[in-house]
């Protein structure tokens, strides 16, 4: 019976079963390039984060909502010693350069060795 229950659960590896979420997080004092790298490294270390980009004083994050949450992303940013001004999440890409669900796996392969 356990096997039957398991096989009916969604397969998180199937890209057709999840949507890519996009978060735009405004950060106080992004600072220099080294500081920005510290912030993006903390966020990219989370499972489910597909890509990050800093632009116009905000961190744009594309992520799989089945693997992580906006709260976890915010916690990672705060763990890097940074204060968040505001955050917004949507199902569509908040930034045109972030991947869509169809090409998210390709983006992950490009950004992570």
PDB file of N, CA and C in Angstrom:
ATOM      1  N   UNK A   1       0.810  -1.186   0.000  1.00  0.00           N
ATOM      2  CA  UNK A   1       0.000   0.000   0.000  1.00  0.00           C
ATOM      3  C   UNK A   1       0.861   1.261   0.000  1.00  0.00           C
ATOM      4  N   UNK A   2       1.945   1.261   0.739  1.00  0.00           N
ATOM      5  CA  UNK A   2       2.837   2.414   0.775  1.00  0.00           C
ATOM      6  C   UNK A   2       3.344   2.749  -0.624  1.00  0.00           C
ATOM      7  N   UNK A   3       3.732   1.737  -1.394  1.00  0.00           N
ATOM      8  CA  UNK A   3       4.216   1.959  -2.756  1.00  0.00           C
ATOM      9  C   UNK A   3       3.147   2.623  -3.608  1.00  0.00           C
ATOM     10  N   UNK A   4       1.911   2.195  -3.483  1.00  0.00           N
ATOM     11  CA  UNK A   4       0.815   2.784  -4.264  1.00  0.00           C
ATOM     12  C   UNK A   4       0.628   4.253  -3.914  1.00  0.00           C
ATOM     13  N   UNK A   5       0.703   4.584  -2.639  1.00  0.00           N
ATOM     14  CA  UNK A   5       0.536   5.974  -2.237  1.00  0.00           C
ATOM     15  C   UNK A   5       1.659   6.828  -2.803  1.00  0.00           C
ATOM     16  N   UNK A   6       2.854   6.319  -2.774  1.00  0.00           N
ATOM     17  CA  UNK A   6       4.003   7.065  -3.266  1.00  0.00           C
ATOM     18  C   UNK A   6       3.931   7.299  -4.772  1.00  0.00           C
ATOM     19  N   UNK A   7       3.494   6.312  -5.521  1.00  0.00           N
ATOM     20  CA  UNK A   7       3.506   6.491  -6.967  1.00  0.00           C
ATOM     21  C   UNK A   7       2.441   7.474  -7.442  1.00  0.00           C
ATOM     22  N   UNK A   8       1.450   7.778  -6.601  1.00  0.00           N
ATOM     23  CA  UNK A   8       0.431   8.749  -6.959  1.00  0.00           C
ATOM     24  C   UNK A   8       0.808  10.175  -6.581  1.00  0.00           C
ATOM     25  N   UNK A   9       1.884  10.344  -5.869  1.00  0.00           N
ATOM     26  CA  UNK A   9       2.321  11.682  -5.491  1.00  0.00           C
ATOM     27  C   UNK A   9       3.033  12.328  -6.675  1.00  0.00           C
ATOM     28  N   UNK A  10       2.965  13.671  -6.784  1.00  0.00           N
ATOM     29  CA  UNK A  10       3.632  14.347  -7.894  1.00  0.00           C
ATOM     30  C   UNK A  10       5.133  14.136  -7.870  1.00  0.00           C
ATOM     31  N   UNK A  11       5.701  14.011  -9.023  1.00  0.00           N
ATOM     32  CA  UNK A  11       7.147  13.881  -9.173  1.00  0.00           C
ATOM     33  C   UNK A  11       7.722  15.279  -9.311  1.00  0.00           C
ATOM     34  N   UNK A  12       8.487  15.734  -8.317  1.00  0.00           N
ATOM     35  CA  UNK A  12       9.010  17.094  -8.330  1.00  0.00           C
ATOM     36  C   UNK A  12      10.035  17.309  -9.442  1.00  0.00           C
ATOM     37  N   UNK A  13      10.557  16.255 -10.007  1.00  0.00           N
ATOM     38  CA  UNK A  13      11.527  16.405 -11.087  1.00  0.00           C
ATOM     39  C   UNK A  13      10.852  16.654 -12.426  1.00  0.00           C
ATOM     40  N   UNK A  14       9.552  16.441 -12.531  1.00  0.00           N
ATOM     41  CA  UNK A  14       8.819  16.654 -13.773  1.00  0.00           C
ATOM     42  C   UNK A  14       8.506  18.136 -13.931  1.00  0.00           C
ATOM     43  N   UNK A  15       9.149  18.836 -14.893  1.00  0.00           N
ATOM     44  CA  UNK A  15       8.945  20.267 -15.039  1.00  0.00           C
ATOM     45  C   UNK A  15       7.517  20.647 -15.407  1.00  0.00           C
ATOM     46  N   UNK A  16       6.735  19.732 -15.895  1.00  0.00           N
ATOM     47  CA  UNK A  16       5.362  20.036 -16.251  1.00  0.00           C
ATOM     48  C   UNK A  16       4.460  20.163 -15.038  1.00  0.00           C
ATOM     49  N   UNK A  17       4.928  19.747 -13.862  1.00  0.00           N
ATOM     50  CA  UNK A  17       4.101  19.778 -12.663  1.00  0.00           C
ATOM     51  C   UNK A  17       4.323  21.003 -11.794  1.00  0.00           C
ATOM     52  N   UNK A  18       5.252  21.859 -12.146  1.00  0.00           N
ATOM     53  CA  UNK A  18       5.495  23.032 -11.319  1.00  0.00           C
ATOM     54  C   UNK A  18       5.623  24.282 -12.181  1.00  0.00           C
ATOM     55  N   UNK A  19       5.404  25.387 -11.547  1.00  0.00           N
ATOM     56  CA  UNK A  19       5.579  26.669 -12.197  1.00  0.00           C
ATOM     57  C   UNK A  19       6.818  27.323 -11.618  1.00  0.00           C
ATOM     58  N   UNK A  20       7.425  28.173 -12.400  1.00  0.00           N
ATOM     59  CA  UNK A  20       8.525  28.956 -11.885  1.00  0.00           C
ATOM     60  C   UNK A  20       7.951  30.223 -11.275  1.00  0.00           C
ATOM     61  N   UNK A  21       8.385  30.530 -10.074  1.00  0.00           N
ATOM     62  CA  UNK A  21       7.977  31.756  -9.407  1.00  0.00           C
ATOM     63  C   UNK A  21       9.103  32.768  -9.544  1.00  0.00           C
ATOM     64  N   UNK A  22       8.727  34.034  -9.537  1.00  0.00           N
ATOM     65  CA  UNK A  22       9.706  35.103  -9.612  1.00  0.00           C
ATOM     66  C   UNK A  22       9.499  36.044  -8.437  1.00  0.00           C
ATOM     67  N   UNK A  23      10.564  36.282  -7.704  1.00  0.00           N
ATOM     68  CA  UNK A  23      10.498  37.205  -6.570  1.00  0.00           C
ATOM     69  C   UNK A  23      11.383  38.404  -6.877  1.00  0.00           C
ATOM     70  N   UNK A  24      10.881  39.582  -6.530  1.00  0.00           N
ATOM     71  CA  UNK A  24      11.664  40.817  -6.632  1.00  0.00           C
ATOM     72  C   UNK A  24      11.804  41.334  -5.213  1.00  0.00           C
ATOM     73  N   UNK A  25      13.032  41.370  -4.723  1.00  0.00           N
ATOM     74  CA  UNK A  25      13.282  41.730  -3.336  1.00  0.00           C
ATOM     75  C   UNK A  25      14.181  42.965  -3.301  1.00  0.00           C
ATOM     76  N   UNK A  26      13.631  44.057  -2.783  1.00  0.00           N
ATOM     77  CA  UNK A  26      14.404  45.290  -2.646  1.00  0.00           C
ATOM     78  C   UNK A  26      15.246  45.185  -1.390  1.00  0.00           C
ATOM     79  N   UNK A  27      16.526  45.511  -1.545  1.00  0.00           N
ATOM     80  CA  UNK A  27      17.483  45.335  -0.456  1.00  0.00           C
ATOM     81  C   UNK A  27      18.125  46.669  -0.114  1.00  0.00           C
ATOM     82  N   UNK A  28      18.220  46.953   1.195  1.00  0.00           N
ATOM     83  CA  UNK A  28      18.928  48.156   1.645  1.00  0.00           C
ATOM     84  C   UNK A  28      20.423  47.964   1.441  1.00  0.00           C
ATOM     85  N   UNK A  29      21.065  48.960   0.922  1.00  0.00           N
ATOM     86  CA  UNK A  29      22.525  48.982   0.809  1.00  0.00           C
ATOM     87  C   UNK A  29      23.110  47.713   0.193  1.00  0.00           C
ATOM     88  N   UNK A  30      22.889  47.561  -1.103  1.00  0.00           N
ATOM     89  CA  UNK A  30      23.458  46.401  -1.792  1.00  0.00           C
ATOM     90  C   UNK A  30      24.980  46.428  -1.760  1.00  0.00           C
ATOM     91  N   UNK A  31      25.542  47.621  -1.730  1.00  0.00           N
ATOM     92  CA  UNK A  31      26.985  47.730  -1.597  1.00  0.00           C
ATOM     93  C   UNK A  31      27.747  47.387  -2.860  1.00  0.00           C
ATOM     94  N   UNK A  32      28.993  46.975  -2.675  1.00  0.00           N
ATOM     95  CA  UNK A  32      29.874  46.691  -3.807  1.00  0.00           C
ATOM     96  C   UNK A  32      29.628  45.304  -4.391  1.00  0.00           C
ATOM     97  N   UNK A  33      30.374  44.973  -5.406  1.00  0.00           N
ATOM     98  CA  UNK A  33      30.216  43.697  -6.106  1.00  0.00           C
ATOM     99  C   UNK A  33      30.453  42.508  -5.172  1.00  0.00           C
ATOM    100  N   UNK A  34      31.422  42.609  -4.281  1.00  0.00           N
ATOM    101  CA  UNK A  34      31.695  41.505  -3.346  1.00  0.00           C
ATOM    102  C   UNK A  34      30.501  41.277  -2.417  1.00  0.00           C
ATOM    103  N   UNK A  35      29.877  42.351  -1.974  1.00  0.00           N
ATOM    104  CA  UNK A  35      28.696  42.249  -1.101  1.00  0.00           C
ATOM    105  C   UNK A  35      27.523  41.629  -1.861  1.00  0.00           C
ATOM    106  N   UNK A  36      27.339  42.054  -3.107  1.00  0.00           N
ATOM    107  CA  UNK A  36      26.276  41.497  -3.938  1.00  0.00           C
ATOM    108  C   UNK A  36      26.488  40.008  -4.157  1.00  0.00           C
ATOM    109  N   UNK A  37      27.732  39.600  -4.364  1.00  0.00           N
ATOM    110  CA  UNK A  37      28.035  38.185  -4.561  1.00  0.00           C
ATOM    111  C   UNK A  37      27.722  37.386  -3.299  1.00  0.00           C
ATOM    112  N   UNK A  38      28.016  37.945  -2.146  1.00  0.00           N
ATOM    113  CA  UNK A  38      27.703  37.276  -0.877  1.00  0.00           C
ATOM    114  C   UNK A  38      26.194  37.028  -0.761  1.00  0.00           C
ATOM    115  N   UNK A  39      25.401  38.015  -1.155  1.00  0.00           N
ATOM    116  CA  UNK A  39      23.942  37.890  -1.089  1.00  0.00           C
ATOM    117  C   UNK A  39      23.451  36.842  -2.081  1.00  0.00           C
ATOM    118  N   UNK A  40      23.908  36.928  -3.344  1.00  0.00           N
ATOM    119  CA  UNK A  40      23.437  35.972  -4.353  1.00  0.00           C
ATOM    120  C   UNK A  40      23.919  34.561  -4.041  1.00  0.00           C
ATOM    121  N   UNK A  41      25.120  34.417  -3.498  1.00  0.00           N
ATOM    122  CA  UNK A  41      25.616  33.080  -3.126  1.00  0.00           C
ATOM    123  C   UNK A  41      24.739  32.459  -2.036  1.00  0.00           C
ATOM    124  N   UNK A  42      24.311  33.271  -1.061  1.00  0.00           N
ATOM    125  CA  UNK A  42      23.460  32.763   0.022  1.00  0.00           C
ATOM    126  C   UNK A  42      22.125  32.286  -0.530  1.00  0.00           C
ATOM    127  N   UNK A  43      21.560  33.026  -1.486  1.00  0.00           N
ATOM    128  CA  UNK A  43      20.269  32.652  -2.067  1.00  0.00           C
ATOM    129  C   UNK A  43      20.424  31.447  -2.992  1.00  0.00           C
ATOM    130  N   UNK A  44      21.466  31.448  -3.828  1.00  0.00           N
ATOM    131  CA  UNK A  44      21.669  30.349  -4.773  1.00  0.00           C
ATOM    132  C   UNK A  44      21.984  29.024  -4.083  1.00  0.00           C
ATOM    133  N   UNK A  45      22.386  29.069  -2.821  1.00  0.00           N
ATOM    134  CA  UNK A  45      22.674  27.839  -2.077  1.00  0.00           C
ATOM    135  C   UNK A  45      21.388  27.084  -1.719  1.00  0.00           C
ATOM    136  N   UNK A  46      20.244  27.754  -1.811  1.00  0.00           N
ATOM    137  CA  UNK A  46      18.964  27.110  -1.504  1.00  0.00           C
ATOM    138  C   UNK A  46      18.557  26.164  -2.624  1.00  0.00           C
ATOM    139  N   UNK A  47      18.001  25.009  -2.249  1.00  0.00           N
ATOM    140  CA  UNK A  47      17.427  24.109  -3.244  1.00  0.00           C
ATOM    141  C   UNK A  47      16.253  24.807  -3.898  1.00  0.00           C
ATOM    142  N   UNK A  48      16.122  24.660  -5.206  1.00  0.00           N
ATOM    143  CA  UNK A  48      14.982  25.221  -5.917  1.00  0.00           C
ATOM    144  C   UNK A  48      15.234  26.574  -6.554  1.00  0.00           C
ATOM    145  N   UNK A  49      16.318  27.246  -6.166  1.00  0.00           N
ATOM    146  CA  UNK A  49      16.630  28.534  -6.787  1.00  0.00           C
ATOM    147  C   UNK A  49      17.245  28.256  -8.153  1.00  0.00           C
ATOM    148  N   UNK A  50      16.644  28.849  -9.172  1.00  0.00           N
ATOM    149  CA  UNK A  50      17.084  28.607 -10.542  1.00  0.00           C
ATOM    150  C   UNK A  50      18.106  29.647 -10.976  1.00  0.00           C
ATOM    151  N   UNK A  51      17.792  30.914 -10.704  1.00  0.00           N
ATOM    152  CA  UNK A  51      18.703  31.978 -11.128  1.00  0.00           C
ATOM    153  C   UNK A  51      18.464  33.229 -10.303  1.00  0.00           C
ATOM    154  N   UNK A  52      19.524  34.029 -10.133  1.00  0.00           N
ATOM    155  CA  UNK A  52      19.416  35.308  -9.448  1.00  0.00           C
ATOM    156  C   UNK A  52      20.026  36.394 -10.315  1.00  0.00           C
ATOM    157  N   UNK A  53      19.528  37.612 -10.128  1.00  0.00           N
ATOM    158  CA  UNK A  53      20.074  38.760 -10.849  1.00  0.00           C
ATOM    159  C   UNK A  53      19.817  40.000 -10.010  1.00  0.00           C
ATOM    160  N   UNK A  54      20.831  40.848  -9.868  1.00  0.00           N
ATOM    161  CA  UNK A  54      20.663  42.111  -9.154  1.00  0.00           C
ATOM    162  C   UNK A  54      20.567  43.218 -10.188  1.00  0.00           C
ATOM    163  N   UNK A  55      19.494  44.013 -10.049  1.00  0.00           N
ATOM    164  CA  UNK A  55      19.272  45.107 -10.984  1.00  0.00           C
ATOM    165  C   UNK A  55      18.415  46.174 -10.321  1.00  0.00           C
ATOM    166  N   UNK A  56      18.799  47.430 -10.495  1.00  0.00           N
ATOM    167  CA  UNK A  56      18.047  48.579  -9.977  1.00  0.00           C
ATOM    168  C   UNK A  56      17.737  48.461  -8.483  1.00  0.00           C
ATOM    169  N   UNK A  57      18.713  48.074  -7.688  1.00  0.00           N
ATOM    170  CA  UNK A  57      18.542  48.014  -6.245  1.00  0.00           C
ATOM    171  C   UNK A  57      17.697  46.865  -5.734  1.00  0.00           C
ATOM    172  N   UNK A  58      17.443  45.878  -6.597  1.00  0.00           N
ATOM    173  CA  UNK A  58      16.623  44.739  -6.184  1.00  0.00           C
ATOM    174  C   UNK A  58      17.260  43.435  -6.646  1.00  0.00           C
ATOM    175  N   UNK A  59      16.990  42.391  -5.881  1.00  0.00           N
ATOM    176  CA  UNK A  59      17.410  41.041  -6.245  1.00  0.00           C
ATOM    177  C   UNK A  59      16.224  40.357  -6.893  1.00  0.00           C
ATOM    178  N   UNK A  60      16.405  39.868  -8.108  1.00  0.00           N
ATOM    179  CA  UNK A  60      15.368  39.126  -8.824  1.00  0.00           C
ATOM    180  C   UNK A  60      15.738  37.652  -8.733  1.00  0.00           C
ATOM    181  N   UNK A  61      14.802  36.830  -8.256  1.00  0.00           N
ATOM    182  CA  UNK A  61      15.068  35.412  -8.044  1.00  0.00           C
ATOM    183  C   UNK A  61      14.009  34.596  -8.774  1.00  0.00           C
ATOM    184  N   UNK A  62      14.453  33.661  -9.587  1.00  0.00           N
ATOM    185  CA  UNK A  62      13.570  32.698 -10.231  1.00  0.00           C
ATOM    186  C   UNK A  62      13.737  31.390  -9.468  1.00  0.00           C
ATOM    187  N   UNK A  63      12.594  30.817  -9.016  1.00  0.00           N
ATOM    188  CA  UNK A  63      12.699  29.616  -8.191  1.00  0.00           C
ATOM    189  C   UNK A  63      11.509  28.689  -8.370  1.00  0.00           C
ATOM    190  N   UNK A  64      11.717  27.434  -7.958  1.00  0.00           N
ATOM    191  CA  UNK A  64      10.688  26.401  -7.996  1.00  0.00           C
ATOM    192  C   UNK A  64       9.955  26.421  -6.651  1.00  0.00           C
ATOM    193  N   UNK A  65       8.654  26.760  -6.639  1.00  0.00           N
ATOM    194  CA  UNK A  65       7.932  26.847  -5.367  1.00  0.00           C
ATOM    195  C   UNK A  65       7.717  25.509  -4.670  1.00  0.00           C
ATOM    196  N   UNK A  66       7.966  24.404  -5.361  1.00  0.00           N
ATOM    197  CA  UNK A  66       7.873  23.091  -4.724  1.00  0.00           C
ATOM    198  C   UNK A  66       9.127  22.781  -3.908  1.00  0.00           C
ATOM    199  N   UNK A  67      10.215  23.505  -4.191  1.00  0.00           N
ATOM    200  CA  UNK A  67      11.480  23.229  -3.516  1.00  0.00           C
ATOM    201  C   UNK A  67      11.869  24.288  -2.488  1.00  0.00           C
ATOM    202  N   UNK A  68      11.401  25.528  -2.658  1.00  0.00           N
ATOM    203  CA  UNK A  68      11.725  26.589  -1.700  1.00  0.00           C
ATOM    204  C   UNK A  68      10.585  27.601  -1.664  1.00  0.00           C
ATOM    205  N   UNK A  69      10.710  28.569  -0.765  1.00  0.00           N
ATOM    206  CA  UNK A  69       9.675  29.583  -0.612  1.00  0.00           C
ATOM    207  C   UNK A  69      10.314  30.968  -0.569  1.00  0.00           C
ATOM    208  N   UNK A  70       9.472  31.981  -0.747  1.00  0.00           N
ATOM    209  CA  UNK A  70       9.973  33.355  -0.638  1.00  0.00           C
ATOM    210  C   UNK A  70      10.524  33.604   0.762  1.00  0.00           C
ATOM    211  N   UNK A  71       9.879  33.037   1.776  1.00  0.00           N
ATOM    212  CA  UNK A  71      10.350  33.198   3.168  1.00  0.00           C
ATOM    213  C   UNK A  71      11.770  32.666   3.327  1.00  0.00           C
ATOM    214  N   UNK A  72      12.055  31.498   2.738  1.00  0.00           N
ATOM    215  CA  UNK A  72      13.405  30.925   2.841  1.00  0.00           C
ATOM    216  C   UNK A  72      14.415  31.806   2.106  1.00  0.00           C
ATOM    217  N   UNK A  73      14.011  32.364   0.977  1.00  0.00           N
ATOM    218  CA  UNK A  73      14.893  33.265   0.229  1.00  0.00           C
ATOM    219  C   UNK A  73      15.187  34.499   1.074  1.00  0.00           C
ATOM    220  N   UNK A  74      14.157  35.063   1.682  1.00  0.00           N
ATOM    221  CA  UNK A  74      14.347  36.231   2.544  1.00  0.00           C
ATOM    222  C   UNK A  74      15.256  35.903   3.726  1.00  0.00           C
ATOM    223  N   UNK A  75      15.094  34.723   4.316  1.00  0.00           N
ATOM    224  CA  UNK A  75      15.959  34.309   5.432  1.00  0.00           C
ATOM    225  C   UNK A  75      17.414  34.211   4.978  1.00  0.00           C
ATOM    226  N   UNK A  76      17.635  33.701   3.772  1.00  0.00           N
ATOM    227  CA  UNK A  76      19.004  33.590   3.253  1.00  0.00           C
ATOM    228  C   UNK A  76      19.615  34.978   3.074  1.00  0.00           C
ATOM    229  N   UNK A  77      18.819  35.923   2.594  1.00  0.00           N
ATOM    230  CA  UNK A  77      19.307  37.296   2.413  1.00  0.00           C
ATOM    231  C   UNK A  77      19.654  37.905   3.770  1.00  0.00           C
ATOM    232  N   UNK A  78      18.773  37.725   4.742  1.00  0.00           N
ATOM    233  CA  UNK A  78      19.030  38.264   6.087  1.00  0.00           C
ATOM    234  C   UNK A  78      20.243  37.603   6.734  1.00  0.00           C
ATOM    235  N   UNK A  79      20.456  36.310   6.442  1.00  0.00           N
ATOM    236  CA  UNK A  79      21.610  35.603   7.022  1.00  0.00           C
ATOM    237  C   UNK A  79      22.921  36.175   6.491  1.00  0.00           C
ATOM    238  N   UNK A  80      22.849  36.858   5.346  1.00  0.00           N
ATOM    239  CA  UNK A  80      24.040  37.503   4.789  1.00  0.00           C
ATOM    240  C   UNK A  80      24.234  38.894   5.404  1.00  0.00           C
ATOM    241  N   UNK A  81      23.402  39.239   6.407  1.00  0.00           N
ATOM    242  CA  UNK A  81      23.547  40.504   7.103  1.00  0.00           C
ATOM    243  C   UNK A  81      22.925  41.672   6.367  1.00  0.00           C
ATOM    244  N   UNK A  82      21.897  41.419   5.604  1.00  0.00           N
ATOM    245  CA  UNK A  82      21.262  42.447   4.780  1.00  0.00           C
ATOM    246  C   UNK A  82      19.824  42.672   5.226  1.00  0.00           C
ATOM    247  N   UNK A  83      19.366  43.912   5.095  1.00  0.00           N
ATOM    248  CA  UNK A  83      17.998  44.270   5.438  1.00  0.00           C
ATOM    249  C   UNK A  83      17.159  44.358   4.168  1.00  0.00           C
ATOM    250  N   UNK A  84      15.961  43.796   4.223  1.00  0.00           N
ATOM    251  CA  UNK A  84      15.046  43.809   3.082  1.00  0.00           C
ATOM    252  C   UNK A  84      14.087  44.986   3.231  1.00  0.00           C
ATOM    253  N   UNK A  85      13.957  45.790   2.154  1.00  0.00           N
ATOM    254  CA  UNK A  85      13.001  46.902   2.144  1.00  0.00           C
ATOM    255  C   UNK A  85      11.610  46.414   1.804  1.00  0.00           C
ATOM    256  N   UNK A  86      11.498  45.632   0.727  1.00  0.00           N
ATOM    257  CA  UNK A  86      10.193  45.158   0.247  1.00  0.00           C
ATOM    258  C   UNK A  86      10.409  43.914  -0.599  1.00  0.00           C
ATOM    259  N   UNK A  87       9.339  43.095  -0.713  1.00  0.00           N
ATOM    260  CA  UNK A  87       9.414  41.878  -1.527  1.00  0.00           C
ATOM    261  C   UNK A  87       8.082  41.651  -2.215  1.00  0.00           C
ATOM    262  N   UNK A  88       8.153  41.153  -3.450  1.00  0.00           N
ATOM    263  CA  UNK A  88       6.952  40.810  -4.207  1.00  0.00           C
ATOM    264  C   UNK A  88       7.214  39.534  -4.982  1.00  0.00           C
ATOM    265  N   UNK A  89       6.210  38.679  -5.064  1.00  0.00           N
ATOM    266  CA  UNK A  89       6.337  37.418  -5.784  1.00  0.00           C
ATOM    267  C   UNK A  89       5.191  37.294  -6.762  1.00  0.00           C
ATOM    268  N   UNK A  90       5.492  36.714  -7.920  1.00  0.00           N
ATOM    269  CA  UNK A  90       4.449  36.444  -8.900  1.00  0.00           C
ATOM    270  C   UNK A  90       4.777  35.180  -9.668  1.00  0.00           C
ATOM    271  N   UNK A  91       3.770  34.633 -10.321  1.00  0.00           N
ATOM    272  CA  UNK A  91       3.960  33.399 -11.084  1.00  0.00           C
ATOM    273  C   UNK A  91       4.683  33.640 -12.394  1.00  0.00           C
ATOM    274  N   UNK A  92       4.512  34.776 -12.966  1.00  0.00           N
ATOM    275  CA  UNK A  92       5.209  35.096 -14.204  1.00  0.00           C
ATOM    276  C   UNK A  92       6.589  35.619 -13.872  1.00  0.00           C
ATOM    277  N   UNK A  93       7.461  35.623 -14.835  1.00  0.00           N
ATOM    278  CA  UNK A  93       8.804  36.127 -14.625  1.00  0.00           C
ATOM    279  C   UNK A  93       8.765  37.623 -14.353  1.00  0.00           C
ATOM    280  N   UNK A  94       9.328  38.038 -13.217  1.00  0.00           N
ATOM    281  CA  UNK A  94       9.366  39.451 -12.874  1.00  0.00           C
ATOM    282  C   UNK A  94      10.443  40.170 -13.670  1.00  0.00           C
ATOM    283  N   UNK A  95      11.326  39.423 -14.242  1.00  0.00           N
ATOM    284  CA  UNK A  95      12.420  40.000 -15.021  1.00  0.00           C
ATOM    285  C   UNK A  95      12.532  39.238 -16.325  1.00  0.00           C
ATOM    286  N   UNK A  96      12.606  39.936 -17.462  1.00  0.00           N
ATOM    287  CA  UNK A  96      12.616  39.243 -18.755  1.00  0.00           C
ATOM    288  C   UNK A  96      13.800  38.310 -18.965  1.00  0.00           C
ATOM    289  N   UNK A  97      14.890  38.498 -18.223  1.00  0.00           N
ATOM    290  CA  UNK A  97      16.063  37.638 -18.409  1.00  0.00           C
ATOM    291  C   UNK A  97      16.011  36.366 -17.580  1.00  0.00           C
ATOM    292  N   UNK A  98      15.041  36.254 -16.656  1.00  0.00           N
ATOM    293  CA  UNK A  98      14.947  35.046 -15.852  1.00  0.00           C
ATOM    294  C   UNK A  98      14.227  33.964 -16.641  1.00  0.00           C
ATOM    295  N   UNK A  99      14.572  32.717 -16.420  1.00  0.00           N
ATOM    296  CA  UNK A  99      14.019  31.623 -17.216  1.00  0.00           C
ATOM    297  C   UNK A  99      12.557  31.321 -16.928  1.00  0.00           C
ATOM    298  N   UNK A 100      11.914  30.751 -17.912  1.00  0.00           N
ATOM    299  CA  UNK A 100      10.544  30.258 -17.777  1.00  0.00           C
ATOM    300  C   UNK A 100      10.628  28.783 -17.407  1.00  0.00           C
ATOM    301  N   UNK A 101       9.523  28.149 -17.000  1.00  0.00           N
ATOM    302  CA  UNK A 101       9.597  26.732 -16.631  1.00  0.00           C
ATOM    303  C   UNK A 101      10.157  25.857 -17.747  1.00  0.00           C
ATOM    304  N   UNK A 102       9.895  26.191 -18.982  1.00  0.00           N
ATOM    305  CA  UNK A 102      10.348  25.368 -20.105  1.00  0.00           C
ATOM    306  C   UNK A 102      11.863  25.352 -20.234  1.00  0.00           C
ATOM    307  N   UNK A 103      12.519  26.477 -19.914  1.00  0.00           N
ATOM    308  CA  UNK A 103      13.972  26.503 -20.084  1.00  0.00           C
ATOM    309  C   UNK A 103      14.716  26.599 -18.757  1.00  0.00           C
ATOM    310  N   UNK A 104      14.021  26.389 -17.643  1.00  0.00           N
ATOM    311  CA  UNK A 104      14.647  26.488 -16.330  1.00  0.00           C
ATOM    312  C   UNK A 104      15.765  25.467 -16.152  1.00  0.00           C
ATOM    313  N   UNK A 105      15.564  24.265 -16.610  1.00  0.00           N
ATOM    314  CA  UNK A 105      16.591  23.227 -16.462  1.00  0.00           C
ATOM    315  C   UNK A 105      17.846  23.593 -17.250  1.00  0.00           C
ATOM    316  N   UNK A 106      17.677  24.180 -18.435  1.00  0.00           N
ATOM    317  CA  UNK A 106      18.831  24.616 -19.219  1.00  0.00           C
ATOM    318  C   UNK A 106      19.567  25.733 -18.491  1.00  0.00           C
ATOM    319  N   UNK A 107      18.831  26.661 -17.910  1.00  0.00           N
ATOM    320  CA  UNK A 107      19.450  27.765 -17.181  1.00  0.00           C
ATOM    321  C   UNK A 107      20.242  27.242 -15.994  1.00  0.00           C
ATOM    322  N   UNK A 108      19.692  26.254 -15.286  1.00  0.00           N
ATOM    323  CA  UNK A 108      20.386  25.685 -14.135  1.00  0.00           C
ATOM    324  C   UNK A 108      21.710  25.072 -14.576  1.00  0.00           C
ATOM    325  N   UNK A 109      21.700  24.392 -15.713  1.00  0.00           N
ATOM    326  CA  UNK A 109      22.928  23.776 -16.209  1.00  0.00           C
ATOM    327  C   UNK A 109      23.963  24.832 -16.608  1.00  0.00           C
ATOM    328  N   UNK A 110      23.484  25.986 -17.143  1.00  0.00           N
ATOM    329  CA  UNK A 110      24.402  27.062 -17.540  1.00  0.00           C
ATOM    330  C   UNK A 110      25.006  27.740 -16.332  1.00  0.00           C
ATOM    331  N   UNK A 111      24.217  27.957 -15.272  1.00  0.00           N
ATOM    332  CA  UNK A 111      24.692  28.743 -14.145  1.00  0.00           C
ATOM    333  C   UNK A 111      25.412  27.930 -13.085  1.00  0.00           C
ATOM    334  N   UNK A 112      25.202  26.617 -13.081  1.00  0.00           N
ATOM    335  CA  UNK A 112      25.862  25.785 -12.064  1.00  0.00           C
ATOM    336  C   UNK A 112      26.654  24.678 -12.751  1.00  0.00           C
ATOM    337  N   UNK A 113      27.941  24.599 -12.405  1.00  0.00           N
ATOM    338  CA  UNK A 113      28.781  23.552 -13.042  1.00  0.00           C
ATOM    339  C   UNK A 113      28.439  22.169 -12.575  1.00  0.00           C
TER     340      UNK A 113
END
